[in-house]
Amino acid sequence: MNKLFSTYKVLAYVVGVLLLVGTICSLFKYLLPEGNALQSFGETMTPLWVAHGWVFIIYVIVAFLLTQKARWTIPEFLLMMIAGLVPGLIFWVERRVADRIAPLLADGAAS
């Protein structure tokens, strides 16, 4: 389970960063005047959402496998899913998951 958790952790940070950057770029794209340099930058970063979508799909699979191995409940899994859709929330959830999984990894019970 160590490798699975490590993979989850990396994916959580990647999804979180892509979501934050994508959200900021979208704000630039839609809220700034047409032709503004930041507005143009926001428009060129649109493919970032495609990357976020693909990485999020992998994140969902890994999070599901992790919750199954740790024998967590469906609401805990759903919180992990929602975290990948709300900017910034995933960093708090990843920390919470790390705190909950640390005893399992220390015991070696979930190898």
PDB file of N, CA and C in Angstrom:
ATOM      1  N   MET A   1       0.820  -1.192   0.000  1.00  0.00           N
ATOM      2  CA  MET A   1       0.000   0.000   0.000  1.00  0.00           C
ATOM      3  C   MET A   1       0.864   1.257   0.000  1.00  0.00           C
ATOM      4  N   ASN A   2       2.124   1.128   0.331  1.00  0.00           N
ATOM      5  CA  ASN A   2       3.037   2.274   0.317  1.00  0.00           C
ATOM      6  C   ASN A   2       3.122   2.903  -1.068  1.00  0.00           C
ATOM      7  N   LYS A   3       3.272   2.074  -2.101  1.00  0.00           N
ATOM      8  CA  LYS A   3       3.372   2.591  -3.468  1.00  0.00           C
ATOM      9  C   LYS A   3       2.054   3.234  -3.902  1.00  0.00           C
ATOM     10  N   LEU A   4       0.956   2.625  -3.517  1.00  0.00           N
ATOM     11  CA  LEU A   4      -0.358   3.161  -3.865  1.00  0.00           C
ATOM     12  C   LEU A   4      -0.562   4.529  -3.221  1.00  0.00           C
ATOM     13  N   PHE A   5      -0.182   4.646  -1.949  1.00  0.00           N
ATOM     14  CA  PHE A   5      -0.318   5.941  -1.271  1.00  0.00           C
ATOM     15  C   PHE A   5       0.609   6.986  -1.880  1.00  0.00           C
ATOM     16  N   SER A   6       1.833   6.588  -2.207  1.00  0.00           N
ATOM     17  CA  SER A   6       2.774   7.526  -2.841  1.00  0.00           C
ATOM     18  C   SER A   6       2.224   8.021  -4.176  1.00  0.00           C
ATOM     19  N   THR A   7       1.644   7.114  -4.939  1.00  0.00           N
ATOM     20  CA  THR A   7       1.035   7.490  -6.223  1.00  0.00           C
ATOM     21  C   THR A   7      -0.130   8.439  -5.992  1.00  0.00           C
ATOM     22  N   TYR A   8      -0.961   8.126  -4.998  1.00  0.00           N
ATOM     23  CA  TYR A   8      -2.094   8.993  -4.665  1.00  0.00           C
ATOM     24  C   TYR A   8      -1.604  10.396  -4.312  1.00  0.00           C
ATOM     25  N   LYS A   9      -0.573  10.455  -3.491  1.00  0.00           N
ATOM     26  CA  LYS A   9      -0.058  11.739  -3.024  1.00  0.00           C
ATOM     27  C   LYS A   9       0.435  12.602  -4.198  1.00  0.00           C
ATOM     28  N   VAL A  10       1.201  11.995  -5.097  1.00  0.00           N
ATOM     29  CA  VAL A  10       1.699  12.727  -6.272  1.00  0.00           C
ATOM     30  C   VAL A  10       0.532  13.190  -7.135  1.00  0.00           C
ATOM     31  N   LEU A  11      -0.406  12.306  -7.390  1.00  0.00           N
ATOM     32  CA  LEU A  11      -1.559  12.668  -8.220  1.00  0.00           C
ATOM     33  C   LEU A  11      -2.387  13.768  -7.574  1.00  0.00           C
ATOM     34  N   ALA A  12      -2.537  13.723  -6.258  1.00  0.00           N
ATOM     35  CA  ALA A  12      -3.307  14.755  -5.557  1.00  0.00           C
ATOM     36  C   ALA A  12      -2.663  16.124  -5.754  1.00  0.00           C
ATOM     37  N   TYR A  13      -1.356  16.188  -5.618  1.00  0.00           N
ATOM     38  CA  TYR A  13      -0.675  17.472  -5.813  1.00  0.00           C
ATOM     39  C   TYR A  13      -0.758  17.935  -7.264  1.00  0.00           C
ATOM     40  N   VAL A  14      -0.605  17.026  -8.207  1.00  0.00           N
ATOM     41  CA  VAL A  14      -0.677  17.404  -9.626  1.00  0.00           C
ATOM     42  C   VAL A  14      -2.083  17.902  -9.959  1.00  0.00           C
ATOM     43  N   VAL A  15      -3.103  17.168  -9.525  1.00  0.00           N
ATOM     44  CA  VAL A  15      -4.490  17.585  -9.777  1.00  0.00           C
ATOM     45  C   VAL A  15      -4.753  18.936  -9.115  1.00  0.00           C
ATOM     46  N   GLY A  16      -4.283  19.110  -7.893  1.00  0.00           N
ATOM     47  CA  GLY A  16      -4.493  20.366  -7.179  1.00  0.00           C
ATOM     48  C   GLY A  16      -3.850  21.556  -7.872  1.00  0.00           C
ATOM     49  N   VAL A  17      -2.617  21.386  -8.306  1.00  0.00           N
ATOM     50  CA  VAL A  17      -1.914  22.480  -8.987  1.00  0.00           C
ATOM     51  C   VAL A  17      -2.575  22.782 -10.331  1.00  0.00           C
ATOM     52  N   LEU A  18      -2.910  21.741 -11.096  1.00  0.00           N
ATOM     53  CA  LEU A  18      -3.581  21.970 -12.379  1.00  0.00           C
ATOM     54  C   LEU A  18      -4.913  22.684 -12.187  1.00  0.00           C
ATOM     55  N   LEU A  19      -5.641  22.307 -11.149  1.00  0.00           N
ATOM     56  CA  LEU A  19      -6.939  22.929 -10.883  1.00  0.00           C
ATOM     57  C   LEU A  19      -6.779  24.395 -10.498  1.00  0.00           C
ATOM     58  N   LEU A  20      -5.822  24.689  -9.633  1.00  0.00           N
ATOM     59  CA  LEU A  20      -5.603  26.089  -9.237  1.00  0.00           C
ATOM     60  C   LEU A  20      -5.151  26.943 -10.412  1.00  0.00           C
ATOM     61  N   VAL A  21      -4.169  26.460 -11.162  1.00  0.00           N
ATOM     62  CA  VAL A  21      -3.662  27.221 -12.309  1.00  0.00           C
ATOM     63  C   VAL A  21      -4.753  27.369 -13.364  1.00  0.00           C
ATOM     64  N   GLY A  22      -5.485  26.305 -13.625  1.00  0.00           N
ATOM     65  CA  GLY A  22      -6.564  26.366 -14.606  1.00  0.00           C
ATOM     66  C   GLY A  22      -7.655  27.346 -14.212  1.00  0.00           C
ATOM     67  N   THR A  23      -7.983  27.379 -12.927  1.00  0.00           N
ATOM     68  CA  THR A  23      -9.008  28.308 -12.446  1.00  0.00           C
ATOM     69  C   THR A  23      -8.542  29.754 -12.596  1.00  0.00           C
ATOM     70  N   ILE A  24      -7.305  30.013 -12.226  1.00  0.00           N
ATOM     71  CA  ILE A  24      -6.766  31.375 -12.361  1.00  0.00           C
ATOM     72  C   ILE A  24      -6.735  31.789 -13.827  1.00  0.00           C
ATOM     73  N   CYS A  25      -6.301  30.877 -14.692  1.00  0.00           N
ATOM     74  CA  CYS A  25      -6.258  31.186 -16.132  1.00  0.00           C
ATOM     75  C   CYS A  25      -7.654  31.418 -16.693  1.00  0.00           C
ATOM     76  N   SER A  26      -8.627  30.667 -16.206  1.00  0.00           N
ATOM     77  CA  SER A  26     -10.007  30.872 -16.658  1.00  0.00           C
ATOM     78  C   SER A  26     -10.526  32.236 -16.214  1.00  0.00           C
ATOM     79  N   LEU A  27     -10.165  32.650 -15.015  1.00  0.00           N
ATOM     80  CA  LEU A  27     -10.556  33.980 -14.554  1.00  0.00           C
ATOM     81  C   LEU A  27      -9.943  35.057 -15.451  1.00  0.00           C
ATOM     82  N   PHE A  28      -8.680  34.868 -15.807  1.00  0.00           N
ATOM     83  CA  PHE A  28      -8.036  35.797 -16.737  1.00  0.00           C
ATOM     84  C   PHE A  28      -8.785  35.828 -18.065  1.00  0.00           C
ATOM     85  N   LYS A  29      -9.089  34.631 -18.555  1.00  0.00           N
ATOM     86  CA  LYS A  29      -9.702  34.506 -19.882  1.00  0.00           C
ATOM     87  C   LYS A  29     -11.079  35.168 -19.946  1.00  0.00           C
ATOM     88  N   TYR A  30     -11.891  34.974 -18.917  1.00  0.00           N
ATOM     89  CA  TYR A  30     -13.273  35.425 -18.992  1.00  0.00           C
ATOM     90  C   TYR A  30     -13.557  36.763 -18.305  1.00  0.00           C
ATOM     91  N   LEU A  31     -12.690  37.196 -17.395  1.00  0.00           N
ATOM     92  CA  LEU A  31     -12.986  38.412 -16.656  1.00  0.00           C
ATOM     93  C   LEU A  31     -12.194  39.635 -17.118  1.00  0.00           C
ATOM     94  N   LEU A  32     -11.099  39.413 -17.851  1.00  0.00           N
ATOM     95  CA  LEU A  32     -10.295  40.546 -18.308  1.00  0.00           C
ATOM     96  C   LEU A  32     -10.732  40.969 -19.708  1.00  0.00           C
ATOM     97  N   PRO A  33     -10.477  42.232 -20.046  1.00  0.00           N
ATOM     98  CA  PRO A  33     -10.881  42.729 -21.370  1.00  0.00           C
ATOM     99  C   PRO A  33     -10.191  41.974 -22.506  1.00  0.00           C
ATOM    100  N   GLU A  34     -10.912  41.810 -23.596  1.00  0.00           N
ATOM    101  CA  GLU A  34     -10.391  41.140 -24.799  1.00  0.00           C
ATOM    102  C   GLU A  34      -9.124  41.835 -25.272  1.00  0.00           C
ATOM    103  N   GLY A  35      -8.098  41.051 -25.599  1.00  0.00           N
ATOM    104  CA  GLY A  35      -6.849  41.601 -26.109  1.00  0.00           C
ATOM    105  C   GLY A  35      -5.821  41.908 -25.034  1.00  0.00           C
ATOM    106  N   ASN A  36      -6.231  41.889 -23.790  1.00  0.00           N
ATOM    107  CA  ASN A  36      -5.315  42.089 -22.670  1.00  0.00           C
ATOM    108  C   ASN A  36      -4.307  40.943 -22.666  1.00  0.00           C
ATOM    109  N   ALA A  37      -3.056  41.214 -22.271  1.00  0.00           N
ATOM    110  CA  ALA A  37      -2.011  40.178 -22.289  1.00  0.00           C
ATOM    111  C   ALA A  37      -2.382  39.004 -21.377  1.00  0.00           C
ATOM    112  N   LEU A  38      -2.906  39.298 -20.189  1.00  0.00           N
ATOM    113  CA  LEU A  38      -3.298  38.208 -19.282  1.00  0.00           C
ATOM    114  C   LEU A  38      -4.507  37.443 -19.816  1.00  0.00           C
ATOM    115  N   GLN A  39      -5.406  38.159 -20.497  1.00  0.00           N
ATOM    116  CA  GLN A  39      -6.564  37.490 -21.085  1.00  0.00           C
ATOM    117  C   GLN A  39      -6.105  36.534 -22.168  1.00  0.00           C
ATOM    118  N   SER A  40      -5.162  36.954 -22.981  1.00  0.00           N
ATOM    119  CA  SER A  40      -4.607  36.086 -24.030  1.00  0.00           C
ATOM    120  C   SER A  40      -3.888  34.887 -23.426  1.00  0.00           C
ATOM    121  N   PHE A  41      -3.156  35.133 -22.339  1.00  0.00           N
ATOM    122  CA  PHE A  41      -2.475  34.041 -21.646  1.00  0.00           C
ATOM    123  C   PHE A  41      -3.493  33.032 -21.128  1.00  0.00           C
ATOM    124  N   GLY A  42      -4.569  33.525 -20.531  1.00  0.00           N
ATOM    125  CA  GLY A  42      -5.623  32.640 -20.040  1.00  0.00           C
ATOM    126  C   GLY A  42      -6.233  31.806 -21.147  1.00  0.00           C
ATOM    127  N   GLU A  43      -6.372  32.411 -22.323  1.00  0.00           N
ATOM    128  CA  GLU A  43      -6.938  31.701 -23.468  1.00  0.00           C
ATOM    129  C   GLU A  43      -5.997  30.613 -23.981  1.00  0.00           C
ATOM    130  N   THR A  44      -4.701  30.875 -23.975  1.00  0.00           N
ATOM    131  CA  THR A  44      -3.746  29.869 -24.460  1.00  0.00           C
ATOM    132  C   THR A  44      -3.583  28.707 -23.486  1.00  0.00           C
ATOM    133  N   MET A  45      -4.011  28.888 -22.239  1.00  0.00           N
ATOM    134  CA  MET A  45      -3.870  27.832 -21.233  1.00  0.00           C
ATOM    135  C   MET A  45      -5.081  26.900 -21.188  1.00  0.00           C
ATOM    136  N   THR A  46      -6.011  27.034 -22.114  1.00  0.00           N
ATOM    137  CA  THR A  46      -7.202  26.184 -22.148  1.00  0.00           C
ATOM    138  C   THR A  46      -6.872  24.685 -22.189  1.00  0.00           C
ATOM    139  N   PRO A  47      -5.843  24.242 -22.917  1.00  0.00           N
ATOM    140  CA  PRO A  47      -5.513  22.809 -22.918  1.00  0.00           C
ATOM    141  C   PRO A  47      -5.140  22.260 -21.534  1.00  0.00           C
ATOM    142  N   LEU A  48      -4.865  23.156 -20.611  1.00  0.00           N
ATOM    143  CA  LEU A  48      -4.569  22.732 -19.243  1.00  0.00           C
ATOM    144  C   LEU A  48      -5.741  21.948 -18.651  1.00  0.00           C
ATOM    145  N   TRP A  49      -6.965  22.330 -19.031  1.00  0.00           N
ATOM    146  CA  TRP A  49      -8.144  21.629 -18.534  1.00  0.00           C
ATOM    147  C   TRP A  49      -8.203  20.198 -19.053  1.00  0.00           C
ATOM    148  N   VAL A  50      -7.719  19.978 -20.255  1.00  0.00           N
ATOM    149  CA  VAL A  50      -7.669  18.615 -20.797  1.00  0.00           C
ATOM    150  C   VAL A  50      -6.701  17.773 -19.958  1.00  0.00           C
ATOM    151  N   ALA A  51      -5.552  18.347 -19.652  1.00  0.00           N
ATOM    152  CA  ALA A  51      -4.573  17.645 -18.818  1.00  0.00           C
ATOM    153  C   ALA A  51      -5.163  17.352 -17.443  1.00  0.00           C
ATOM    154  N   HIS A  52      -5.844  18.341 -16.865  1.00  0.00           N
ATOM    155  CA  HIS A  52      -6.473  18.131 -15.555  1.00  0.00           C
ATOM    156  C   HIS A  52      -7.486  16.991 -15.627  1.00  0.00           C
ATOM    157  N   GLY A  53      -8.262  16.951 -16.687  1.00  0.00           N
ATOM    158  CA  GLY A  53      -9.270  15.897 -16.834  1.00  0.00           C
ATOM    159  C   GLY A  53      -8.662  14.510 -16.880  1.00  0.00           C
ATOM    160  N   TRP A  54      -7.610  14.336 -17.657  1.00  0.00           N
ATOM    161  CA  TRP A  54      -6.977  13.024 -17.758  1.00  0.00           C
ATOM    162  C   TRP A  54      -6.298  12.614 -16.460  1.00  0.00           C
ATOM    163  N   VAL A  55      -5.601  13.550 -15.843  1.00  0.00           N
ATOM    164  CA  VAL A  55      -4.938  13.226 -14.572  1.00  0.00           C
ATOM    165  C   VAL A  55      -5.985  12.959 -13.499  1.00  0.00           C
ATOM    166  N   PHE A  56      -7.103  13.699 -13.529  1.00  0.00           N
ATOM    167  CA  PHE A  56      -8.166  13.482 -12.546  1.00  0.00           C
ATOM    168  C   PHE A  56      -8.759  12.079 -12.671  1.00  0.00           C
ATOM    169  N   ILE A  57      -8.907  11.589 -13.884  1.00  0.00           N
ATOM    170  CA  ILE A  57      -9.423  10.225 -14.077  1.00  0.00           C
ATOM    171  C   ILE A  57      -8.489   9.208 -13.423  1.00  0.00           C
ATOM    172  N   ILE A  58      -7.198   9.376 -13.608  1.00  0.00           N
ATOM    173  CA  ILE A  58      -6.229   8.475 -12.980  1.00  0.00           C
ATOM    174  C   ILE A  58      -6.282   8.632 -11.458  1.00  0.00           C
ATOM    175  N   TYR A  59      -6.417   9.870 -10.998  1.00  0.00           N
ATOM    176  CA  TYR A  59      -6.547  10.149  -9.568  1.00  0.00           C
ATOM    177  C   TYR A  59      -7.756   9.423  -8.975  1.00  0.00           C
ATOM    178  N   VAL A  60      -8.878   9.449  -9.668  1.00  0.00           N
ATOM    179  CA  VAL A  60     -10.092   8.779  -9.194  1.00  0.00           C
ATOM    180  C   VAL A  60      -9.844   7.281  -9.037  1.00  0.00           C
ATOM    181  N   ILE A  61      -9.205   6.678 -10.011  1.00  0.00           N
ATOM    182  CA  ILE A  61      -8.928   5.236  -9.947  1.00  0.00           C
ATOM    183  C   ILE A  61      -8.015   4.909  -8.778  1.00  0.00           C
ATOM    184  N   VAL A  62      -6.945   5.675  -8.634  1.00  0.00           N
ATOM    185  CA  VAL A  62      -5.998   5.423  -7.540  1.00  0.00           C
ATOM    186  C   VAL A  62      -6.661   5.671  -6.186  1.00  0.00           C
ATOM    187  N   ALA A  63      -7.450   6.732  -6.073  1.00  0.00           N
ATOM    188  CA  ALA A  63      -8.149   7.023  -4.820  1.00  0.00           C
ATOM    189  C   ALA A  63      -9.125   5.904  -4.480  1.00  0.00           C
ATOM    190  N   PHE A  64      -9.816   5.382  -5.483  1.00  0.00           N
ATOM    191  CA  PHE A  64     -10.737   4.266  -5.248  1.00  0.00           C
ATOM    192  C   PHE A  64      -9.984   3.042  -4.743  1.00  0.00           C
ATOM    193  N   LEU A  65      -8.877   2.712  -5.391  1.00  0.00           N
ATOM    194  CA  LEU A  65      -8.084   1.564  -4.952  1.00  0.00           C
ATOM    195  C   LEU A  65      -7.558   1.759  -3.534  1.00  0.00           C
ATOM    196  N   LEU A  66      -7.136   2.969  -3.216  1.00  0.00           N
ATOM    197  CA  LEU A  66      -6.625   3.260  -1.883  1.00  0.00           C
ATOM    198  C   LEU A  66      -7.719   3.122  -0.831  1.00  0.00           C
ATOM    199  N   THR A  67      -8.909   3.640  -1.115  1.00  0.00           N
ATOM    200  CA  THR A  67     -10.002   3.524  -0.144  1.00  0.00           C
ATOM    201  C   THR A  67     -10.440   2.077   0.026  1.00  0.00           C
ATOM    202  N   GLN A  68     -10.356   1.293  -1.024  1.00  0.00           N
ATOM    203  CA  GLN A  68     -10.697  -0.126  -0.920  1.00  0.00           C
ATOM    204  C   GLN A  68      -9.681  -0.871  -0.052  1.00  0.00           C
ATOM    205  N   LYS A  69      -8.393  -0.610  -0.282  1.00  0.00           N
ATOM    206  CA  LYS A  69      -7.339  -1.271   0.503  1.00  0.00           C
ATOM    207  C   LYS A  69      -7.416  -0.882   1.970  1.00  0.00           C
ATOM    208  N   ALA A  70      -7.716   0.404   2.231  1.00  0.00           N
ATOM    209  CA  ALA A  70      -7.775   0.896   3.607  1.00  0.00           C
ATOM    210  C   ALA A  70      -9.119   0.595   4.264  1.00  0.00           C
ATOM    211  N   ARG A  71     -10.059   0.102   3.470  1.00  0.00           N
ATOM    212  CA  ARG A  71     -11.416  -0.228   3.943  1.00  0.00           C
ATOM    213  C   ARG A  71     -12.136   0.987   4.515  1.00  0.00           C
ATOM    214  N   TRP A  72     -12.057   2.079   3.753  1.00  0.00           N
ATOM    215  CA  TRP A  72     -12.744   3.294   4.153  1.00  0.00           C
ATOM    216  C   TRP A  72     -14.148   3.303   3.561  1.00  0.00           C
ATOM    217  N   THR A  73     -14.969   4.223   4.040  1.00  0.00           N
ATOM    218  CA  THR A  73     -16.372   4.288   3.622  1.00  0.00           C
ATOM    219  C   THR A  73     -16.529   5.076   2.317  1.00  0.00           C
ATOM    220  N   ILE A  74     -17.700   4.962   1.735  1.00  0.00           N
ATOM    221  CA  ILE A  74     -18.014   5.679   0.495  1.00  0.00           C
ATOM    222  C   ILE A  74     -17.958   7.198   0.696  1.00  0.00           C
ATOM    223  N   PRO A  75     -18.478   7.749   1.814  1.00  0.00           N
ATOM    224  CA  PRO A  75     -18.349   9.204   1.998  1.00  0.00           C
ATOM    225  C   PRO A  75     -16.895   9.693   2.002  1.00  0.00           C
ATOM    226  N   GLU A  76     -15.996   8.897   2.527  1.00  0.00           N
ATOM    227  CA  GLU A  76     -14.585   9.280   2.500  1.00  0.00           C
ATOM    228  C   GLU A  76     -14.064   9.294   1.068  1.00  0.00           C
ATOM    229  N   PHE A  77     -14.476   8.322   0.290  1.00  0.00           N
ATOM    230  CA  PHE A  77     -14.098   8.289  -1.121  1.00  0.00           C
ATOM    231  C   PHE A  77     -14.693   9.493  -1.859  1.00  0.00           C
ATOM    232  N   LEU A  78     -15.942   9.810  -1.577  1.00  0.00           N
ATOM    233  CA  LEU A  78     -16.590  10.947  -2.237  1.00  0.00           C
ATOM    234  C   LEU A  78     -15.910  12.262  -1.886  1.00  0.00           C
ATOM    235  N   LEU A  79     -15.441  12.405  -0.644  1.00  0.00           N
ATOM    236  CA  LEU A  79     -14.710  13.603  -0.269  1.00  0.00           C
ATOM    237  C   LEU A  79     -13.434  13.717  -1.096  1.00  0.00           C
ATOM    238  N   MET A  80     -12.771  12.597  -1.325  1.00  0.00           N
ATOM    239  CA  MET A  80     -11.562  12.606  -2.147  1.00  0.00           C
ATOM    240  C   MET A  80     -11.892  13.034  -3.581  1.00  0.00           C
ATOM    241  N   MET A  81     -13.051  12.628  -4.089  1.00  0.00           N
ATOM    242  CA  MET A  81     -13.450  12.993  -5.446  1.00  0.00           C
ATOM    243  C   MET A  81     -13.797  14.471  -5.544  1.00  0.00           C
ATOM    244  N   ILE A  82     -14.566  14.964  -4.599  1.00  0.00           N
ATOM    245  CA  ILE A  82     -14.960  16.375  -4.603  1.00  0.00           C
ATOM    246  C   ILE A  82     -13.733  17.267  -4.484  1.00  0.00           C
ATOM    247  N   ALA A  83     -12.733  16.800  -3.742  1.00  0.00           N
ATOM    248  CA  ALA A  83     -11.514  17.592  -3.544  1.00  0.00           C
ATOM    249  C   ALA A  83     -10.805  17.886  -4.862  1.00  0.00           C
ATOM    250  N   GLY A  84     -10.947  17.012  -5.834  1.00  0.00           N
ATOM    251  CA  GLY A  84     -10.315  17.230  -7.129  1.00  0.00           C
ATOM    252  C   GLY A  84     -11.083  18.184  -8.024  1.00  0.00           C
ATOM    253  N   LEU A  85     -12.218  18.677  -7.520  1.00  0.00           N
ATOM    254  CA  LEU A  85     -13.051  19.583  -8.307  1.00  0.00           C
ATOM    255  C   LEU A  85     -13.169  20.968  -7.693  1.00  0.00           C
ATOM    256  N   VAL A  86     -12.748  21.113  -6.442  1.00  0.00           N
ATOM    257  CA  VAL A  86     -12.829  22.400  -5.743  1.00  0.00           C
ATOM    258  C   VAL A  86     -11.405  22.922  -5.541  1.00  0.00           C
ATOM    259  N   PRO A  87     -11.084  24.063  -6.144  1.00  0.00           N
ATOM    260  CA  PRO A  87      -9.711  24.575  -6.049  1.00  0.00           C
ATOM    261  C   PRO A  87      -9.228  24.714  -4.600  1.00  0.00           C
ATOM    262  N   GLY A  88      -8.075  24.136  -4.326  1.00  0.00           N
ATOM    263  CA  GLY A  88      -7.443  24.233  -3.012  1.00  0.00           C
ATOM    264  C   GLY A  88      -7.847  23.155  -2.023  1.00  0.00           C
ATOM    265  N   LEU A  89      -9.028  22.602  -2.151  1.00  0.00           N
ATOM    266  CA  LEU A  89      -9.524  21.616  -1.186  1.00  0.00           C
ATOM    267  C   LEU A  89      -8.693  20.338  -1.184  1.00  0.00           C
ATOM    268  N   ILE A  90      -8.152  19.967  -2.320  1.00  0.00           N
ATOM    269  CA  ILE A  90      -7.428  18.707  -2.435  1.00  0.00           C
ATOM    270  C   ILE A  90      -6.190  18.671  -1.534  1.00  0.00           C
ATOM    271  N   PHE A  91      -5.593  19.826  -1.271  1.00  0.00           N
ATOM    272  CA  PHE A  91      -4.405  19.857  -0.420  1.00  0.00           C
ATOM    273  C   PHE A  91      -4.768  19.522   1.031  1.00  0.00           C
ATOM    274  N   TRP A  92      -5.916  20.014   1.491  1.00  0.00           N
ATOM    275  CA  TRP A  92      -6.394  19.690   2.838  1.00  0.00           C
ATOM    276  C   TRP A  92      -6.779  18.209   2.924  1.00  0.00           C
ATOM    277  N   VAL A  93      -7.471  17.714   1.913  1.00  0.00           N
ATOM    278  CA  VAL A  93      -7.895  16.311   1.911  1.00  0.00           C
ATOM    279  C   VAL A  93      -6.690  15.386   1.846  1.00  0.00           C
ATOM    280  N   GLU A  94      -5.690  15.725   1.041  1.00  0.00           N
ATOM    281  CA  GLU A  94      -4.485  14.885   0.961  1.00  0.00           C
ATOM    282  C   GLU A  94      -3.815  14.787   2.321  1.00  0.00           C
ATOM    283  N   ARG A  95      -3.760  15.899   3.041  1.00  0.00           N
ATOM    284  CA  ARG A  95      -3.158  15.900   4.379  1.00  0.00           C
ATOM    285  C   ARG A  95      -3.966  15.014   5.326  1.00  0.00           C
ATOM    286  N   ARG A  96      -5.279  15.096   5.207  1.00  0.00           N
ATOM    287  CA  ARG A  96      -6.170  14.282   6.051  1.00  0.00           C
ATOM    288  C   ARG A  96      -6.004  12.797   5.734  1.00  0.00           C
ATOM    289  N   VAL A  97      -5.905  12.465   4.453  1.00  0.00           N
ATOM    290  CA  VAL A  97      -5.685  11.076   4.035  1.00  0.00           C
ATOM    291  C   VAL A  97      -4.343  10.587   4.566  1.00  0.00           C
ATOM    292  N   ALA A  98      -3.318  11.421   4.471  1.00  0.00           N
ATOM    293  CA  ALA A  98      -1.985  11.041   4.963  1.00  0.00           C
ATOM    294  C   ALA A  98      -2.020  10.756   6.460  1.00  0.00           C
ATOM    295  N   ASP A  99      -2.744  11.584   7.210  1.00  0.00           N
ATOM    296  CA  ASP A  99      -2.848  11.368   8.656  1.00  0.00           C
ATOM    297  C   ASP A  99      -3.594  10.075   8.988  1.00  0.00           C
ATOM    298  N   ARG A 100      -4.619   9.770   8.202  1.00  0.00           N
ATOM    299  CA  ARG A 100      -5.408   8.558   8.467  1.00  0.00           C
ATOM    300  C   ARG A 100      -4.687   7.284   8.044  1.00  0.00           C
ATOM    301  N   ILE A 101      -3.858   7.388   7.023  1.00  0.00           N
ATOM    302  CA  ILE A 101      -3.222   6.191   6.489  1.00  0.00           C
ATOM    303  C   ILE A 101      -1.887   5.891   7.182  1.00  0.00           C
ATOM    304  N   ALA A 102      -1.308   6.885   7.856  1.00  0.00           N
ATOM    305  CA  ALA A 102      -0.005   6.706   8.504  1.00  0.00           C
ATOM    306  C   ALA A 102       0.017   5.509   9.465  1.00  0.00           C
ATOM    307  N   PRO A 103      -0.996   5.331  10.323  1.00  0.00           N
ATOM    308  CA  PRO A 103      -0.959   4.158  11.203  1.00  0.00           C
ATOM    309  C   PRO A 103      -1.004   2.837  10.442  1.00  0.00           C
ATOM    310  N   LEU A 104      -1.742   2.803   9.343  1.00  0.00           N
ATOM    311  CA  LEU A 104      -1.802   1.572   8.542  1.00  0.00           C
ATOM    312  C   LEU A 104      -0.446   1.247   7.920  1.00  0.00           C
ATOM    313  N   LEU A 105       0.239   2.281   7.449  1.00  0.00           N
ATOM    314  CA  LEU A 105       1.546   2.078   6.841  1.00  0.00           C
ATOM    315  C   LEU A 105       2.585   1.698   7.904  1.00  0.00           C
ATOM    316  N   ALA A 106       2.462   2.280   9.110  1.00  0.00           N
ATOM    317  CA  ALA A 106       3.402   1.982  10.196  1.00  0.00           C
ATOM    318  C   ALA A 106       3.256   0.539  10.659  1.00  0.00           C
ATOM    319  N   ASP A 107       2.015   0.072  10.727  1.00  0.00           N
ATOM    320  CA  ASP A 107       1.763  -1.307  11.158  1.00  0.00           C
ATOM    321  C   ASP A 107       2.199  -2.319  10.100  1.00  0.00           C
ATOM    322  N   GLY A 108       2.229  -1.871   8.871  1.00  0.00           N
ATOM    323  CA  GLY A 108       2.537  -2.788   7.789  1.00  0.00           C
ATOM    324  C   GLY A 108       1.387  -3.726   7.500  1.00  0.00           C
ATOM    325  N   ALA A 109       0.226  -3.411   8.102  1.00  0.00           N
ATOM    326  CA  ALA A 109      -0.939  -4.272   7.950  1.00  0.00           C
ATOM    327  C   ALA A 109      -1.527  -4.224   6.551  1.00  0.00           C
ATOM    328  N   ALA A 110      -1.268  -3.149   5.843  1.00  0.00           N
ATOM    329  CA  ALA A 110      -1.894  -2.981   4.531  1.00  0.00           C
ATOM    330  C   ALA A 110      -0.854  -3.022   3.418  1.00  0.00           C
ATOM    331  N   SER A 111       0.044  -3.909   3.491  1.00  0.00           N
ATOM    332  CA  SER A 111       1.121  -3.970   2.486  1.00  0.00           C
ATOM    333  C   SER A 111       0.583  -4.257   1.150  1.00  0.00           C
TER     334      SER A 111
END
